[in-house]
Amino acid sequence: MAAYLVQGMIERGVIAAKADAADLTACVVELMSENFEIEAQIDEEADRMAEDLARKDTRTDVSRLRGMIRQRLAEKKGFTL
């Protein structure tokens, strides 16, 4: 996917590559991996917090609460979901 993205951007003239396409692809892969890791951390923290709050009040909609917590955590970290 990263190679397709880089190649497409080069072919369309969106970027003027100053480095080898393979190096650019490696950078994109690294950024995407980091992005997935941050999202996974946010998800884990949101799950944990939602479960804790749901134990305190059994009427709580855990799925909805998890989504709201997840959004707030992402905002705090300046992360776009």
Protein backbone atom coordinates (compact mmCIF):
# COMPACT_ATOMS: atom_id res chain seq x y z
CA MET A 1 0.00 0.00 0.00
CA ALA A 2 2.82 2.40 0.84
CA ALA A 3 4.58 1.68 -2.46
CA TYR A 4 1.33 2.27 -4.36
CA LEU A 5 0.81 5.57 -2.54
CA VAL A 6 4.35 6.82 -3.19
CA GLN A 7 4.37 5.71 -6.81
CA GLY A 8 0.97 7.30 -7.44
CA MET A 9 2.05 10.60 -5.91
CA ILE A 10 5.21 10.66 -8.01
CA GLU A 11 3.39 9.77 -11.24
CA ARG A 12 0.69 12.42 -10.70
CA GLY A 13 3.25 15.08 -9.90
CA VAL A 14 1.91 15.58 -6.39
CA ILE A 15 5.45 15.32 -5.08
CA ALA A 16 8.82 15.90 -6.68
CA ALA A 17 10.86 13.05 -5.26
CA LYS A 18 14.26 14.13 -4.00
CA ALA A 19 14.99 10.62 -2.77
CA ASP A 20 14.70 7.12 -4.15
CA ALA A 21 11.12 5.76 -4.27
CA ALA A 22 12.18 2.82 -2.10
CA ASP A 23 13.41 5.21 0.61
CA LEU A 24 10.19 7.20 0.44
CA THR A 25 8.18 3.99 0.69
CA ALA A 26 10.15 2.97 3.77
CA CYS A 27 9.33 6.33 5.39
CA VAL A 28 5.64 5.92 4.61
CA VAL A 29 5.66 2.40 6.05
CA GLU A 30 7.29 3.70 9.23
CA LEU A 31 4.75 6.52 9.59
CA MET A 32 1.83 4.17 8.96
CA SER A 33 3.15 1.65 11.48
CA GLU A 34 3.52 4.36 14.11
CA ASN A 35 -0.01 5.56 13.35
CA PHE A 36 -1.43 2.06 13.81
CA GLU A 37 0.45 1.64 17.10
CA ILE A 38 -0.89 4.92 18.49
CA GLU A 39 -4.42 4.00 17.46
CA ALA A 40 -4.07 0.59 19.12
CA GLN A 41 -2.88 2.25 22.34
CA ILE A 42 -5.85 4.63 22.28
CA ASP A 43 -8.22 1.70 21.70
CA GLU A 44 -6.74 -0.30 24.60
CA GLU A 45 -6.95 2.66 26.96
CA ALA A 46 -10.53 3.44 25.88
CA ASP A 47 -11.54 -0.21 26.41
CA ARG A 48 -10.02 -0.25 29.86
CA MET A 49 -11.62 3.04 30.90
CA ALA A 50 -15.05 2.11 29.49
CA GLU A 51 -15.03 -1.25 31.27
CA ASP A 52 -14.08 0.40 34.56
CA LEU A 53 -16.86 2.96 34.26
CA ALA A 54 -19.39 0.31 33.15
CA ARG A 55 -18.67 -1.71 36.30
CA LYS A 56 -19.64 1.32 38.37
CA ASP A 57 -22.93 1.82 36.52
CA THR A 58 -24.47 -1.24 34.85
CA ARG A 59 -26.90 0.92 32.86
CA THR A 60 -24.02 2.32 30.83
CA ASP A 61 -23.85 1.62 27.09
CA VAL A 62 -20.25 0.40 26.94
CA SER A 63 -19.94 0.70 23.15
CA ARG A 64 -21.09 4.30 23.10
CA LEU A 65 -18.97 5.17 26.12
CA ARG A 66 -15.93 3.55 24.53
CA GLY A 67 -16.39 5.59 21.37
CA MET A 68 -16.67 8.84 23.31
CA ILE A 69 -13.61 8.03 25.43
CA ARG A 70 -11.67 7.01 22.34
CA GLN A 71 -12.47 10.33 20.65
CA ARG A 72 -11.45 12.35 23.72
CA LEU A 73 -8.18 10.44 24.11
CA ALA A 74 -7.36 11.01 20.45
CA GLU A 75 -8.09 14.73 20.79
CA LYS A 76 -5.82 14.96 23.84
CA LYS A 77 -2.98 13.37 21.90
CA GLY A 78 -3.62 15.46 18.82
CA PHE A 79 -4.36 12.28 16.89
CA THR A 80 -6.91 12.12 14.08
CA LEU A 81 -8.97 8.95 14.02
